[in-house]
Each structure stands twice: as structure tokens, then as C-alpha cells.
Amino acid sequence: MSVYHLYNTTSHNFKPSTELLNKAFSLMMQRFNCTFEEVEIVLVNEQEIVRINHEHLGKNYVTDIITFYYHDTELNDVSTLEGTLYICLPRVIEQAQELSISTEQEFLRIVVHGLLHLLDFKDDTQAHKENMTKEEDAILDLVNQSPV
């Protein structure tokens, strides 16, 4: 049984690999000794990501992902995690083109990024960004090395 639910609210016909997503979730649960209990992945367009960004974070620009986590932070328990990843699919497609990689690989990187946020990784400083990128790269290497 999958720990995530994917909703595509955009006009783009994009269907990511279930096997790669399951592998990413599984590897991260092993790596961080946690359980992703329920994660919604919602693909949205630019207007919707800007609306969410403005309404919840007070920012007025397109971003590739916004992560909301629902676990009780007062308990300091990051072993069982729930949340929603709002991913701007047009931005992911654009970034994939800029990086000359597949949309699938960029999407997977963005999902891993969001899951790291659920694990309380931050990217608010240069040092945090570097640490987060290092973790993303390590996880993606594992996902891409392991047979699906």
C-alpha cells in the first residue's frame, strides 16, 4: 500500500513512475528511521502556487514546492510524518529543461526536497541549502542505483 496520494490539478498530462516514487519513500524511511504515514502530492499550476505562497507564507512569486507538515512539532516526534507537498508542475518542467534532465528526474528531486522538509530539514540559509542539496543528491543516487 502506498503512503502517498498524487493529485494532478493541472492541464499537463504527467504520470510519474510509481516505482521510483515508492523507492524514494522507502529509501528515505530507511535512511531517517521514520514512517511517512500519509503524504499528499498535489500538482498545481503557477497561479495556484502563487496563491498558496501568498496566503500561507506572505510571498508573491512562483516556487517549485511548498510543503505543509501535519505532525505534532511540540512532541518533537519526526518518526511518523504526514503532510502535503504542493508542487508547481509547470515550474518543474521548466527547471528540467533548464537542467537538461527529464521531467521525471526533476519531479523526483522536488519530491525528495519536500520530504526532507517534512523531516524538518531547512533551506533558509546557505549552509542549510548546501546540507539539503547534499541529502537530496545522496537519496537520488540511491534511488537511481537501485533496481526498481
Protein backbone atom coordinates (compact mmCIF):
# COMPACT_ATOMS: atom_id res chain seq x y z
CA MET A 1 0.00 0.00 0.00
CA SER A 2 1.30 3.41 -0.99
CA VAL A 3 1.96 6.07 1.64
CA TYR A 4 1.28 8.89 -0.80
CA HIS A 5 -1.59 10.09 -2.92
CA LEU A 6 -0.93 12.01 -6.12
CA TYR A 7 -3.37 14.60 -7.45
CA ASN A 8 -2.73 16.39 -10.73
CA THR A 9 -4.84 19.56 -10.86
CA THR A 10 -3.01 20.93 -13.91
CA SER A 11 -3.72 20.56 -17.63
CA HIS A 12 -0.38 18.76 -18.09
CA ASN A 13 -0.54 15.04 -18.76
CA PHE A 14 2.19 13.91 -16.37
CA LYS A 15 2.24 10.49 -14.73
CA PRO A 16 5.39 9.92 -12.65
CA SER A 17 6.81 6.46 -12.10
CA THR A 18 5.08 4.81 -9.17
CA GLU A 19 8.09 2.53 -8.77
CA LEU A 20 10.56 5.42 -8.46
CA LEU A 21 8.33 7.30 -6.02
CA ASN A 22 7.84 4.19 -3.88
CA LYS A 23 11.59 3.59 -3.93
CA ALA A 24 12.31 7.19 -2.84
CA PHE A 25 9.83 6.95 0.05
CA SER A 26 11.20 3.56 1.10
CA LEU A 27 14.85 4.65 0.99
CA MET A 28 14.10 7.80 2.96
CA MET A 29 12.20 5.86 5.62
CA GLN A 30 15.20 3.55 5.99
CA ARG A 31 17.75 6.37 5.92
CA PHE A 32 15.97 8.50 8.52
CA ASN A 33 14.30 5.75 10.55
CA CYS A 34 10.85 7.25 10.06
CA THR A 35 7.48 6.42 8.57
CA PHE A 36 5.63 8.56 6.05
CA GLU A 37 2.10 7.79 7.16
CA GLU A 38 0.15 9.94 4.73
CA VAL A 39 1.62 12.32 2.15
CA GLU A 40 -0.43 14.14 -0.45
CA ILE A 41 1.40 15.26 -3.56
CA VAL A 42 -0.67 17.92 -5.30
CA LEU A 43 0.46 19.13 -8.72
CA VAL A 44 -0.66 22.71 -9.30
CA ASN A 45 -0.18 25.47 -11.88
CA GLU A 46 1.67 28.77 -11.41
CA GLN A 47 -1.39 30.74 -10.33
CA GLU A 48 -2.22 28.24 -7.60
CA ILE A 49 1.33 28.01 -6.21
CA VAL A 50 1.48 31.83 -6.08
CA ARG A 51 -1.89 31.89 -4.28
CA ILE A 52 -0.71 29.30 -1.72
CA ASN A 53 2.65 31.07 -1.33
CA HIS A 54 0.93 34.42 -0.72
CA GLU A 55 -1.83 33.10 1.54
CA HIS A 56 0.35 30.95 3.78
CA LEU A 57 3.85 32.44 3.54
CA GLY A 58 3.22 36.07 2.57
CA LYS A 59 5.27 35.76 -0.64
CA ASN A 60 4.18 36.68 -4.16
CA TYR A 61 6.17 34.53 -6.57
CA VAL A 62 6.24 31.16 -8.27
CA THR A 63 8.15 28.46 -6.45
CA ASP A 64 8.57 24.80 -7.29
CA ILE A 65 7.27 23.37 -4.00
CA ILE A 66 5.55 24.35 -0.79
CA THR A 67 5.44 21.77 1.99
CA PHE A 68 2.94 21.61 4.82
CA TYR A 69 3.51 19.10 7.58
CA TYR A 70 0.87 17.88 9.96
CA HIS A 71 2.81 16.06 12.67
CA ASP A 72 2.83 17.45 16.19
CA THR A 73 6.01 19.53 16.41
CA GLU A 74 5.51 20.03 20.17
CA LEU A 75 6.16 16.33 20.70
CA ASN A 76 9.41 16.56 18.72
CA ASP A 77 8.36 13.30 17.04
CA VAL A 78 9.53 13.13 13.46
CA SER A 79 9.31 9.35 13.29
CA THR A 80 5.77 9.30 11.85
CA LEU A 81 5.16 12.00 9.28
CA GLU A 82 2.16 13.40 7.44
CA GLY A 83 1.95 16.33 5.07
CA THR A 84 1.07 17.84 1.74
CA LEU A 85 3.53 18.73 -0.99
CA TYR A 86 2.19 21.35 -3.40
CA ILE A 87 4.35 21.10 -6.50
CA CYS A 88 4.17 23.59 -9.35
CA LEU A 89 4.33 21.22 -12.33
CA PRO A 90 4.98 23.91 -14.97
CA ARG A 91 7.95 25.13 -12.89
CA VAL A 92 9.28 21.56 -12.58
CA ILE A 93 9.02 21.13 -16.36
CA GLU A 94 10.83 24.45 -16.88
CA GLN A 95 13.60 23.53 -14.42
CA ALA A 96 14.05 20.12 -16.06
CA GLN A 97 14.53 21.83 -19.43
CA GLU A 98 16.99 24.32 -17.92
CA LEU A 99 18.99 21.45 -16.38
CA SER A 100 18.69 19.22 -19.48
CA ILE A 101 17.20 16.38 -17.45
CA SER A 102 13.90 14.54 -17.66
CA THR A 103 10.81 15.99 -16.04
CA GLU A 104 10.59 12.71 -14.09
CA GLN A 105 14.05 13.23 -12.55
CA GLU A 106 13.37 16.87 -11.63
CA PHE A 107 9.98 15.90 -10.19
CA LEU A 108 11.63 13.19 -8.10
CA ARG A 109 14.21 15.70 -6.81
CA ILE A 110 11.43 18.11 -5.83
CA VAL A 111 9.50 15.34 -4.03
CA VAL A 112 12.65 14.34 -2.11
CA HIS A 113 13.18 18.02 -1.25
CA GLY A 114 9.63 18.22 0.14
CA LEU A 115 10.05 15.01 2.12
CA LEU A 116 13.24 16.42 3.63
CA HIS A 117 11.20 19.45 4.73
CA LEU A 118 8.78 17.03 6.40
CA LEU A 119 11.82 15.67 8.24
CA ASP A 120 12.49 19.25 9.42
CA PHE A 121 15.37 20.00 7.05
CA LYS A 122 15.61 23.72 6.32
CA ASP A 123 16.85 25.67 3.33
CA ASP A 124 16.64 29.18 4.79
CA THR A 125 20.42 29.76 4.90
CA GLN A 126 23.25 28.92 2.53
CA ALA A 127 24.58 26.27 4.92
CA HIS A 128 21.13 24.69 5.26
CA LYS A 129 20.66 24.74 1.46
CA GLU A 130 24.01 23.03 0.95
CA ASN A 131 23.16 20.36 3.53
CA MET A 132 19.74 19.80 2.00
CA THR A 133 21.17 19.55 -1.53
CA LYS A 134 23.75 17.04 -0.30
CA GLU A 135 20.96 14.89 1.18
CA GLU A 136 18.84 15.22 -1.99
CA ASP A 137 21.78 14.11 -4.14
CA ALA A 138 22.57 11.15 -1.87
CA ILE A 139 18.96 9.94 -1.88
CA LEU A 140 18.56 10.39 -5.64
CA ASP A 141 21.81 8.49 -6.22
CA LEU A 142 20.41 5.61 -4.16
CA VAL A 143 17.06 5.70 -5.98
CA ASN A 144 18.77 5.71 -9.39
CA GLN A 145 21.32 3.00 -8.47
CA SER A 146 18.92 0.50 -7.01
CA PRO A 147 16.90 -1.70 -9.33
CA VAL A 148 13.26 -0.68 -9.44
